[in-house]
N, C-alpha and C. Protein backbone atom coordinates (compact mmCIF):
# COMPACT_ATOMS: atom_id res chain seq x y z
N MET A 1 -9.23 3.04 -68.62
CA MET A 1 -8.70 3.57 -69.60
C MET A 1 -8.69 3.12 -70.86
N ILE A 2 -8.52 3.64 -72.27
CA ILE A 2 -8.89 2.64 -73.39
C ILE A 2 -7.65 4.07 -74.19
N VAL A 3 -6.74 3.57 -74.27
CA VAL A 3 -5.16 4.24 -75.33
C VAL A 3 -5.54 3.23 -76.70
N ILE A 4 -5.46 4.78 -77.47
CA ILE A 4 -5.00 3.74 -79.17
C ILE A 4 -3.59 4.01 -79.20
N VAL A 5 -3.22 3.05 -80.06
CA VAL A 5 -1.47 3.01 -80.67
C VAL A 5 -1.20 2.51 -81.31
N PRO A 6 -0.35 3.12 -81.99
CA PRO A 6 -0.49 2.17 -83.71
C PRO A 6 0.27 0.55 -83.05
N LEU A 7 -0.28 0.08 -83.92
CA LEU A 7 -0.49 -1.24 -83.93
C LEU A 7 1.16 -2.24 -84.72
N THR A 8 1.91 -2.71 -83.60
CA THR A 8 3.34 -3.06 -83.81
C THR A 8 3.44 -4.47 -84.13
N ALA A 9 4.05 -5.25 -83.85
CA ALA A 9 5.42 -6.57 -84.21
C ALA A 9 5.08 -6.61 -81.70
N ASP A 10 4.82 -6.22 -81.40
CA ASP A 10 5.22 -6.51 -79.96
C ASP A 10 4.18 -6.49 -79.65
N HIS A 11 2.61 -6.04 -80.69
CA HIS A 11 1.11 -6.96 -79.75
C HIS A 11 1.03 -7.53 -80.62
N ALA A 12 1.54 -8.57 -81.46
CA ALA A 12 1.48 -9.45 -82.00
C ALA A 12 1.21 -11.18 -81.67
N ALA A 13 1.80 -11.47 -80.15
CA ALA A 13 1.06 -12.47 -79.67
C ALA A 13 -0.01 -12.06 -79.01
N ASP A 14 -1.11 -11.43 -78.80
CA ASP A 14 -2.17 -10.99 -78.67
C ASP A 14 -3.10 -10.46 -80.10
N VAL A 15 -2.58 -10.14 -81.07
CA VAL A 15 -3.82 -9.88 -81.85
C VAL A 15 -3.91 -11.04 -82.19
N LEU A 16 -2.97 -12.21 -82.17
CA LEU A 16 -3.39 -13.36 -82.91
C LEU A 16 -3.75 -14.37 -82.07
N ARG A 17 -3.66 -13.65 -80.62
CA ARG A 17 -4.49 -14.50 -78.99
C ARG A 17 -6.00 -14.61 -80.13
N ILE A 18 -6.56 -12.81 -80.08
CA ILE A 18 -7.73 -11.92 -80.42
C ILE A 18 -8.66 -12.93 -81.68
N TYR A 19 -7.44 -13.09 -82.57
CA TYR A 19 -8.22 -12.81 -84.33
C TYR A 19 -8.33 -14.92 -83.95
N GLN A 20 -7.80 -15.80 -82.87
CA GLN A 20 -8.19 -17.08 -82.95
C GLN A 20 -9.46 -17.00 -81.91
N HIS A 21 -9.75 -15.98 -81.47
CA HIS A 21 -10.98 -16.26 -80.79
C HIS A 21 -12.23 -16.29 -81.51
N GLY A 22 -12.07 -15.43 -82.63
CA GLY A 22 -13.25 -14.45 -83.64
C GLY A 22 -12.99 -15.67 -84.47
N ILE A 23 -11.90 -16.92 -84.34
CA ILE A 23 -12.21 -17.92 -85.24
C ILE A 23 -13.23 -19.03 -85.24
N ASP A 24 -12.73 -19.42 -83.73
CA ASP A 24 -13.13 -20.69 -82.97
C ASP A 24 -15.08 -20.03 -82.41
N GLU A 25 -15.09 -18.67 -82.45
CA GLU A 25 -16.76 -18.26 -82.65
C GLU A 25 -16.93 -18.37 -84.10
N GLY A 26 -16.70 -18.39 -84.59
CA GLY A 26 -17.36 -19.22 -86.14
C GLY A 26 -18.15 -17.28 -86.62
N ASN A 27 -17.76 -16.34 -86.29
CA ASN A 27 -18.70 -15.76 -87.17
C ASN A 27 -17.81 -14.86 -87.75
N SER A 28 -16.79 -14.67 -87.39
CA SER A 28 -15.84 -13.20 -87.43
C SER A 28 -14.96 -13.14 -89.30
N THR A 29 -14.50 -15.02 -89.77
CA THR A 29 -13.91 -14.77 -90.72
C THR A 29 -14.37 -16.56 -91.65
N PHE A 30 -14.22 -16.15 -92.76
CA PHE A 30 -13.40 -17.98 -93.01
C PHE A 30 -12.61 -18.41 -92.28
N GLU A 31 -11.18 -17.56 -92.23
CA GLU A 31 -9.90 -18.62 -92.24
C GLU A 31 -10.67 -19.65 -90.82
N SER A 32 -9.89 -20.71 -90.94
CA SER A 32 -9.68 -21.57 -89.77
C SER A 32 -8.58 -21.86 -89.33
N ALA A 33 -7.21 -20.93 -88.99
CA ALA A 33 -6.36 -21.44 -88.39
C ALA A 33 -5.60 -19.94 -88.22
N THR A 34 -5.40 -19.46 -87.04
CA THR A 34 -4.43 -18.64 -87.24
C THR A 34 -3.58 -18.53 -88.05
N PRO A 35 -2.87 -17.68 -88.56
CA PRO A 35 -1.42 -17.49 -89.50
C PRO A 35 -0.67 -17.44 -88.53
N THR A 36 0.31 -17.27 -89.12
CA THR A 36 1.92 -16.66 -88.10
C THR A 36 1.95 -14.98 -88.26
N TRP A 37 2.81 -14.35 -87.52
CA TRP A 37 2.42 -13.25 -87.24
C TRP A 37 2.96 -12.66 -88.72
N GLU A 38 4.40 -12.87 -89.40
CA GLU A 38 4.50 -12.60 -90.62
C GLU A 38 3.53 -13.23 -92.05
N ALA A 39 3.14 -13.96 -91.93
CA ALA A 39 1.65 -13.92 -92.67
C ALA A 39 0.73 -13.11 -92.68
N PHE A 40 -0.02 -12.73 -91.56
CA PHE A 40 -0.75 -11.86 -91.19
C PHE A 40 -0.20 -10.27 -91.56
N ASP A 41 1.36 -10.42 -90.98
CA ASP A 41 2.04 -8.46 -91.44
C ASP A 41 1.79 -8.42 -92.74
N ALA A 42 1.96 -9.24 -93.78
CA ALA A 42 2.38 -9.01 -94.86
C ALA A 42 1.43 -9.24 -95.91
N SER A 43 -0.20 -9.64 -95.41
CA SER A 43 -1.41 -9.63 -95.36
C SER A 43 -2.24 -8.92 -95.69
N LYS A 44 -1.46 -7.45 -94.41
CA LYS A 44 -2.69 -6.11 -94.28
C LYS A 44 -1.31 -5.01 -94.66
N LEU A 45 -2.17 -3.52 -95.18
CA LEU A 45 -1.29 -2.91 -94.90
C LEU A 45 -0.80 -2.18 -93.69
N PRO A 46 0.71 -1.60 -94.56
CA PRO A 46 1.46 -1.14 -93.40
C PRO A 46 0.65 0.12 -92.90
N ASP A 47 -0.02 0.86 -93.36
CA ASP A 47 -0.58 2.20 -92.91
C ASP A 47 -2.20 1.45 -92.19
N HIS A 48 -2.86 2.77 -91.54
CA HIS A 48 -4.11 2.39 -90.17
C HIS A 48 -3.88 1.02 -89.56
N ARG A 49 -2.83 1.21 -88.91
CA ARG A 49 -3.04 -0.43 -87.93
C ARG A 49 -2.86 0.90 -86.02
N PHE A 50 -3.39 -0.36 -86.06
CA PHE A 50 -4.14 0.12 -84.70
C PHE A 50 -4.46 -0.80 -83.29
N ALA A 51 -3.79 -0.37 -82.08
CA ALA A 51 -4.20 -1.46 -81.19
C ALA A 51 -4.74 -0.78 -80.36
N ALA A 52 -5.56 -0.93 -78.96
CA ALA A 52 -6.60 -1.05 -77.97
C ALA A 52 -5.51 -1.38 -76.63
N LEU A 53 -5.39 -0.76 -76.72
CA LEU A 53 -4.62 -0.79 -74.79
C LEU A 53 -5.90 -0.50 -73.47
N ASP A 54 -5.74 -1.36 -72.89
CA ASP A 54 -6.02 -0.82 -70.99
C ASP A 54 -5.19 -0.19 -70.59
N ASP A 55 -5.12 1.03 -70.78
CA ASP A 55 -4.34 2.82 -69.93
C ASP A 55 -3.34 1.65 -68.37
N ALA A 56 -4.83 0.88 -67.24
CA ALA A 56 -3.97 0.61 -66.32
C ALA A 56 -2.63 0.13 -66.44
N THR A 57 -2.81 -1.25 -67.47
CA THR A 57 -1.89 -2.84 -67.47
C THR A 57 -1.55 -2.91 -68.74
N GLY A 58 -1.52 -2.00 -69.84
CA GLY A 58 -1.56 -2.37 -71.37
C GLY A 58 -1.74 -3.69 -72.31
N ALA A 59 -2.35 -4.09 -71.39
CA ALA A 59 -3.22 -5.41 -71.85
C ALA A 59 -4.22 -4.29 -73.44
N VAL A 60 -3.49 -5.53 -74.55
CA VAL A 60 -4.47 -5.63 -75.88
C VAL A 60 -5.50 -5.58 -75.38
N LEU A 61 -6.72 -4.81 -75.79
CA LEU A 61 -8.16 -4.59 -75.94
C LEU A 61 -8.39 -5.58 -77.18
N GLY A 62 -8.23 -4.90 -78.24
CA GLY A 62 -8.19 -5.02 -79.82
C GLY A 62 -7.56 -4.61 -80.33
N TYR A 63 -8.24 -5.04 -81.83
CA TYR A 63 -7.08 -4.79 -83.13
C TYR A 63 -8.08 -3.83 -83.97
N ILE A 64 -7.05 -3.50 -85.06
CA ILE A 64 -7.75 -2.64 -86.83
C ILE A 64 -6.41 -2.26 -87.66
N VAL A 65 -7.35 -3.10 -88.37
CA VAL A 65 -6.00 -2.96 -89.61
C VAL A 65 -7.06 -3.04 -91.17
N ALA A 66 -6.22 -3.20 -91.88
CA ALA A 66 -6.48 -2.76 -93.91
C ALA A 66 -5.94 -3.35 -94.17
N SER A 67 -7.13 -3.93 -94.98
CA SER A 67 -6.93 -4.52 -96.14
C SER A 67 -6.47 -3.74 -98.01
N ALA A 68 -5.76 -3.82 -98.53
CA ALA A 68 -5.93 -3.27 -100.08
C ALA A 68 -6.96 -4.21 -100.86
N THR A 69 -7.97 -3.60 -101.44
CA THR A 69 -9.43 -3.63 -101.70
C THR A 69 -8.82 -4.89 -103.99
N SER A 70 -7.98 -3.61 -103.81
CA SER A 70 -7.53 -4.03 -105.34
C SER A 70 -6.10 -3.41 -105.31
N LYS A 71 -5.22 -4.19 -106.10
CA LYS A 71 -3.80 -3.50 -106.55
C LYS A 71 -3.74 -2.68 -107.33
N ARG A 72 -4.78 -1.92 -108.20
CA ARG A 72 -5.00 -1.48 -109.06
C ARG A 72 -5.19 0.07 -109.05
N PRO A 73 -4.24 1.10 -108.92
CA PRO A 73 -3.71 2.06 -109.19
C PRO A 73 -4.96 3.18 -108.88
N CYS A 74 -6.10 3.20 -109.69
CA CYS A 74 -7.26 3.34 -109.51
C CYS A 74 -8.11 3.69 -108.43
N TYR A 75 -8.27 2.39 -107.53
CA TYR A 75 -8.78 1.89 -106.26
C TYR A 75 -7.56 1.72 -105.30
N ALA A 76 -6.29 2.58 -105.13
CA ALA A 76 -5.80 3.13 -104.11
C ALA A 76 -6.72 4.05 -102.78
N GLY A 77 -7.70 4.40 -102.83
CA GLY A 77 -8.40 5.03 -101.77
C GLY A 77 -8.84 3.80 -101.20
N VAL A 78 -9.32 3.25 -101.96
CA VAL A 78 -10.25 1.91 -101.50
C VAL A 78 -9.53 1.07 -100.70
N ILE A 79 -9.90 0.74 -99.37
CA ILE A 79 -9.54 -0.57 -98.56
C ILE A 79 -10.42 -1.41 -98.41
N GLU A 80 -10.27 -2.36 -97.33
CA GLU A 80 -11.60 -3.08 -96.42
C GLU A 80 -10.97 -3.12 -95.10
N ASN A 81 -11.20 -3.15 -93.79
CA ASN A 81 -10.99 -2.74 -92.03
C ASN A 81 -11.49 -3.92 -91.91
N SER A 82 -10.32 -4.75 -91.12
CA SER A 82 -11.12 -5.45 -89.79
C SER A 82 -10.19 -5.59 -88.71
N VAL A 83 -11.76 -5.77 -87.61
CA VAL A 83 -11.64 -4.87 -86.57
C VAL A 83 -11.96 -5.96 -85.49
N TYR A 84 -11.37 -6.13 -84.73
CA TYR A 84 -11.86 -7.37 -83.38
C TYR A 84 -11.26 -6.91 -81.57
N VAL A 85 -11.91 -7.65 -81.36
CA VAL A 85 -11.91 -6.51 -79.77
C VAL A 85 -11.88 -8.02 -78.68
N ASP A 86 -11.24 -8.35 -78.05
CA ASP A 86 -10.81 -8.93 -76.87
C ASP A 86 -12.76 -9.89 -76.27
N ARG A 87 -12.54 -10.76 -76.21
CA ARG A 87 -13.75 -11.20 -75.84
C ARG A 87 -14.30 -10.17 -74.48
N ALA A 88 -12.77 -10.44 -73.00
CA ALA A 88 -13.32 -9.74 -71.58
C ALA A 88 -13.50 -8.01 -72.13
N ALA A 89 -13.10 -7.12 -73.61
CA ALA A 89 -13.13 -5.76 -73.58
C ALA A 89 -14.86 -5.61 -74.08
N ARG A 90 -15.72 -6.59 -74.55
CA ARG A 90 -16.55 -6.09 -75.41
C ARG A 90 -17.79 -5.17 -74.21
N GLY A 91 -18.37 -4.79 -75.51
CA GLY A 91 -19.12 -3.63 -74.83
C GLY A 91 -18.62 -2.25 -74.05
N LEU A 92 -16.96 -2.36 -73.81
CA LEU A 92 -16.34 -1.19 -73.75
C LEU A 92 -16.19 0.08 -74.01
N GLY A 93 -16.89 -0.01 -75.90
CA GLY A 93 -16.31 0.88 -76.41
C GLY A 93 -14.91 0.74 -77.27
N VAL A 94 -14.22 -0.24 -77.30
CA VAL A 94 -12.93 -0.70 -77.61
C VAL A 94 -13.29 0.13 -79.36
N GLY A 95 -14.31 -1.30 -79.60
CA GLY A 95 -14.62 -1.12 -80.87
C GLY A 95 -14.43 0.15 -81.54
N SER A 96 -16.00 0.89 -81.16
CA SER A 96 -16.03 2.28 -81.22
C SER A 96 -14.91 3.48 -81.40
N SER A 97 -13.67 3.18 -80.77
CA SER A 97 -12.76 3.99 -80.26
C SER A 97 -12.08 3.47 -81.43
N LEU A 98 -11.07 2.05 -81.56
CA LEU A 98 -10.43 1.97 -82.82
C LEU A 98 -10.65 2.89 -84.29
N LEU A 99 -12.76 2.34 -84.33
CA LEU A 99 -12.96 2.67 -85.81
C LEU A 99 -12.83 4.20 -86.08
N LYS A 100 -12.99 5.15 -84.96
CA LYS A 100 -12.72 6.11 -84.68
C LYS A 100 -11.26 6.40 -85.29
N THR A 101 -10.32 6.33 -84.64
CA THR A 101 -8.87 6.46 -84.87
C THR A 101 -9.08 5.86 -86.56
N PHE A 102 -9.44 4.76 -86.69
CA PHE A 102 -9.25 4.73 -88.27
C PHE A 102 -10.05 5.67 -89.09
N ILE A 103 -10.49 5.76 -88.90
CA ILE A 103 -11.30 6.26 -89.70
C ILE A 103 -10.51 7.65 -90.18
N GLU A 104 -10.13 8.26 -89.21
CA GLU A 104 -9.03 9.60 -88.50
C GLU A 104 -8.02 9.57 -89.29
N SER A 105 -7.07 8.25 -88.98
CA SER A 105 -6.07 8.30 -90.34
C SER A 105 -6.89 8.35 -91.64
N THR A 106 -7.35 6.93 -91.96
CA THR A 106 -7.17 6.63 -93.54
C THR A 106 -7.98 8.00 -93.66
N GLU A 107 -8.73 9.26 -93.87
CA GLU A 107 -8.94 10.63 -94.40
C GLU A 107 -8.12 11.64 -94.48
N ALA A 108 -7.43 11.04 -93.59
CA ALA A 108 -5.93 12.49 -93.23
C ALA A 108 -5.20 11.82 -94.83
N ALA A 109 -4.98 10.50 -95.39
CA ALA A 109 -4.21 9.94 -96.02
C ALA A 109 -5.08 10.31 -96.99
N GLY A 110 -6.18 9.88 -97.14
CA GLY A 110 -7.03 10.59 -98.76
C GLY A 110 -7.36 8.88 -99.29
N VAL A 111 -7.54 8.69 -98.11
CA VAL A 111 -9.12 7.25 -98.43
C VAL A 111 -10.73 7.51 -98.62
N TRP A 112 -10.84 7.42 -99.70
CA TRP A 112 -12.26 7.47 -99.82
C TRP A 112 -12.88 6.40 -99.43
N THR A 113 -12.78 5.55 -99.54
CA THR A 113 -13.70 4.37 -99.32
C THR A 113 -13.16 3.12 -98.24
N ILE A 114 -14.03 3.55 -96.88
CA ILE A 114 -13.36 2.18 -96.36
C ILE A 114 -15.08 1.07 -96.61
N ASN A 115 -14.31 -0.05 -96.64
CA ASN A 115 -15.67 -1.73 -97.21
C ASN A 115 -15.27 -2.23 -95.81
N ALA A 116 -16.19 -2.92 -95.92
CA ALA A 116 -16.30 -4.12 -94.96
C ALA A 116 -17.49 -5.13 -94.60
N GLY A 117 -16.58 -6.24 -95.61
CA GLY A 117 -17.39 -7.58 -95.71
C GLY A 117 -17.60 -8.31 -93.93
N ILE A 118 -19.11 -8.68 -93.89
CA ILE A 118 -19.46 -9.01 -92.00
C ILE A 118 -20.20 -10.04 -92.26
N PHE A 119 -20.35 -11.27 -91.43
CA PHE A 119 -21.29 -11.99 -91.31
C PHE A 119 -22.83 -11.42 -90.73
N PRO A 120 -23.78 -12.00 -91.45
CA PRO A 120 -25.54 -11.57 -90.97
C PRO A 120 -25.34 -11.41 -89.65
N GLU A 121 -24.11 -12.49 -88.91
CA GLU A 121 -24.56 -13.11 -87.72
C GLU A 121 -24.13 -12.05 -86.31
N ASN A 122 -23.17 -11.93 -87.10
CA ASN A 122 -22.39 -10.59 -86.25
C ASN A 122 -22.91 -8.98 -86.09
N THR A 123 -24.22 -8.93 -85.33
CA THR A 123 -24.56 -8.47 -85.50
C THR A 123 -24.33 -7.09 -84.52
N ALA A 124 -23.23 -7.10 -83.89
CA ALA A 124 -22.37 -6.12 -82.88
C ALA A 124 -21.52 -5.22 -83.63
N SER A 125 -20.68 -6.45 -84.21
CA SER A 125 -20.01 -5.36 -86.04
C SER A 125 -21.12 -5.15 -86.95
N LEU A 126 -22.06 -5.24 -87.36
CA LEU A 126 -22.67 -4.24 -88.40
C LEU A 126 -23.60 -3.07 -87.50
N ALA A 127 -23.72 -2.91 -85.87
CA ALA A 127 -24.57 -2.35 -85.84
C ALA A 127 -23.30 -0.77 -85.12
N LEU A 128 -21.92 -1.54 -85.11
CA LEU A 128 -20.57 -0.84 -84.91
C LEU A 128 -20.56 -0.36 -85.80
N HIS A 129 -20.50 -0.58 -87.14
CA HIS A 129 -19.86 -0.06 -88.40
C HIS A 129 -21.26 0.79 -88.71
N SER A 130 -22.42 0.99 -88.43
CA SER A 130 -23.45 1.69 -88.75
C SER A 130 -23.11 3.02 -88.30
N ARG A 131 -23.29 2.70 -86.92
CA ARG A 131 -22.85 4.10 -84.93
C ARG A 131 -21.78 4.89 -86.22
N HIS A 132 -20.72 4.20 -87.51
CA HIS A 132 -19.88 4.70 -87.54
C HIS A 132 -19.99 5.70 -89.25
N GLY A 133 -21.57 5.24 -89.51
CA GLY A 133 -21.21 6.39 -90.86
C GLY A 133 -20.81 4.96 -92.37
N PHE A 134 -21.13 3.78 -91.96
CA PHE A 134 -21.19 2.96 -92.38
C PHE A 134 -21.94 2.75 -93.16
N ARG A 135 -22.71 1.86 -94.16
CA ARG A 135 -23.62 1.82 -95.07
C ARG A 135 -24.18 1.09 -95.93
N THR A 136 -25.15 -0.02 -95.96
CA THR A 136 -25.38 -1.68 -95.95
C THR A 136 -25.48 -1.23 -97.95
N LEU A 137 -24.91 -2.52 -98.28
CA LEU A 137 -25.18 -2.36 -99.79
C LEU A 137 -25.62 -3.69 -99.72
N GLY A 138 -24.91 -4.40 -98.57
CA GLY A 138 -26.36 -5.81 -99.48
C GLY A 138 -25.78 -7.30 -99.60
N THR A 139 -26.46 -7.64 -99.26
CA THR A 139 -25.35 -9.52 -98.98
C THR A 139 -25.67 -10.04 -100.29
N GLN A 140 -24.55 -10.66 -100.10
CA GLN A 140 -23.99 -11.77 -100.81
C GLN A 140 -24.08 -13.14 -100.55
N GLU A 141 -25.11 -13.95 -101.35
CA GLU A 141 -25.91 -14.88 -100.38
C GLU A 141 -24.72 -16.22 -100.92
N ARG A 142 -24.49 -16.90 -99.53
CA ARG A 142 -23.95 -17.65 -99.84
C ARG A 142 -22.12 -17.76 -100.67
N VAL A 143 -22.08 -16.99 -100.51
CA VAL A 143 -20.87 -16.78 -100.84
C VAL A 143 -19.50 -17.44 -101.67
N ALA A 144 -19.08 -17.81 -99.81
CA ALA A 144 -18.27 -18.86 -99.79
C ALA A 144 -18.87 -20.42 -98.62
N LYS A 145 -17.73 -21.03 -98.39
CA LYS A 145 -18.37 -22.14 -97.66
C LYS A 145 -17.35 -22.04 -96.66
N THR A 146 -16.92 -22.17 -95.14
CA THR A 146 -16.11 -22.41 -94.49
C THR A 146 -15.51 -23.40 -94.78
N VAL A 147 -14.37 -24.14 -93.85
CA VAL A 147 -13.83 -25.60 -93.85
C VAL A 147 -14.83 -27.01 -93.88
N ALA A 148 -16.01 -25.73 -92.47
CA ALA A 148 -16.64 -27.38 -93.05
C ALA A 148 -17.45 -28.15 -94.10
N GLY A 149 -17.81 -27.09 -95.22
CA GLY A 149 -18.47 -27.18 -95.97
C GLY A 149 -19.87 -26.44 -95.58
N VAL A 150 -20.33 -24.93 -94.76
CA VAL A 150 -20.90 -24.70 -94.63
C VAL A 150 -21.21 -23.38 -95.14
N TRP A 151 -21.46 -23.26 -96.53
CA TRP A 151 -22.43 -21.37 -96.84
C TRP A 151 -22.37 -20.76 -96.00
N ARG A 152 -22.11 -19.56 -96.25
CA ARG A 152 -22.28 -18.52 -95.80
C ARG A 152 -22.70 -17.71 -96.32
N ASP A 153 -23.06 -16.10 -95.91
CA ASP A 153 -23.94 -15.07 -96.47
C ASP A 153 -22.88 -14.15 -96.21
N VAL A 154 -22.50 -12.89 -96.41
CA VAL A 154 -21.15 -11.83 -96.49
C VAL A 154 -22.45 -10.19 -96.43
N VAL A 155 -22.39 -9.77 -94.99
CA VAL A 155 -23.00 -8.05 -95.79
C VAL A 155 -21.97 -7.35 -96.30
N LEU A 156 -21.95 -6.70 -97.03
CA LEU A 156 -21.30 -5.95 -97.77
C LEU A 156 -21.78 -4.00 -97.56
N MET A 157 -20.74 -3.69 -95.97
CA MET A 157 -20.97 -2.40 -96.02
C MET A 157 -19.83 -1.53 -96.45
N GLU A 158 -19.99 0.02 -96.56
CA GLU A 158 -18.59 1.27 -97.08
C GLU A 158 -19.20 2.33 -95.99
N ARG A 159 -18.30 2.73 -96.50
CA ARG A 159 -17.72 4.33 -95.81
C ARG A 159 -17.44 4.70 -96.60
N ARG A 160 -18.01 5.72 -97.37
CA ARG A 160 -17.25 6.69 -98.27
C ARG A 160 -16.93 8.75 -96.83
N SER A 161 -15.69 8.78 -97.29
CA SER A 161 -15.44 9.97 -96.92
C SER A 161 -16.12 11.38 -97.62
N SER A 162 -16.44 12.01 -96.12
CA SER A 162 -16.92 13.64 -96.78
C SER A 162 -16.02 14.24 -96.59
N VAL A 163 -14.58 13.93 -96.27
CA VAL A 163 -13.62 14.65 -96.18
C VAL A 163 -12.73 15.01 -97.68
N VAL A 164 -13.04 13.64 -97.88
CA VAL A 164 -12.09 12.99 -98.85
C VAL A 164 -12.66 14.05 -100.05
N PHE A 165 -13.74 14.20 -100.72
CA PHE A 165 -15.12 14.50 -101.66
C PHE A 165 -14.41 15.66 -101.44
């Protein structure tokens, strides 16, 4: 059984391990190295952070965090999500449980738009976001290069709250 809990520094080692797997697979982030927990923590908003745990073992199965889209006050209700699921836990509903909890948390806080930037090759993430009410806005073609010099596209998705409006 999957239990969703607030993500804390106690989960740091597992969060960074799962993040590194995303880096290694090449379809989750432009980053090429796992940051320290302090750098990771500082780059994410303090609210709307959740970890999915295996109820029986307490193992971290995945996590979801938010980043600010802009520092301008007019964009206070617009954030970007990042959701990562451990390789061994994929296909078990972990991502869906995390995203559902995240959406409930953000709507309760008055967030009106959640953005996601996803590599087009990451079909599982595109499908997950679509199932939770995200729509595709378009694709930024050749928007940035990887460290290896490969240009990558990013699909832009958004979910507009029906509760906040």
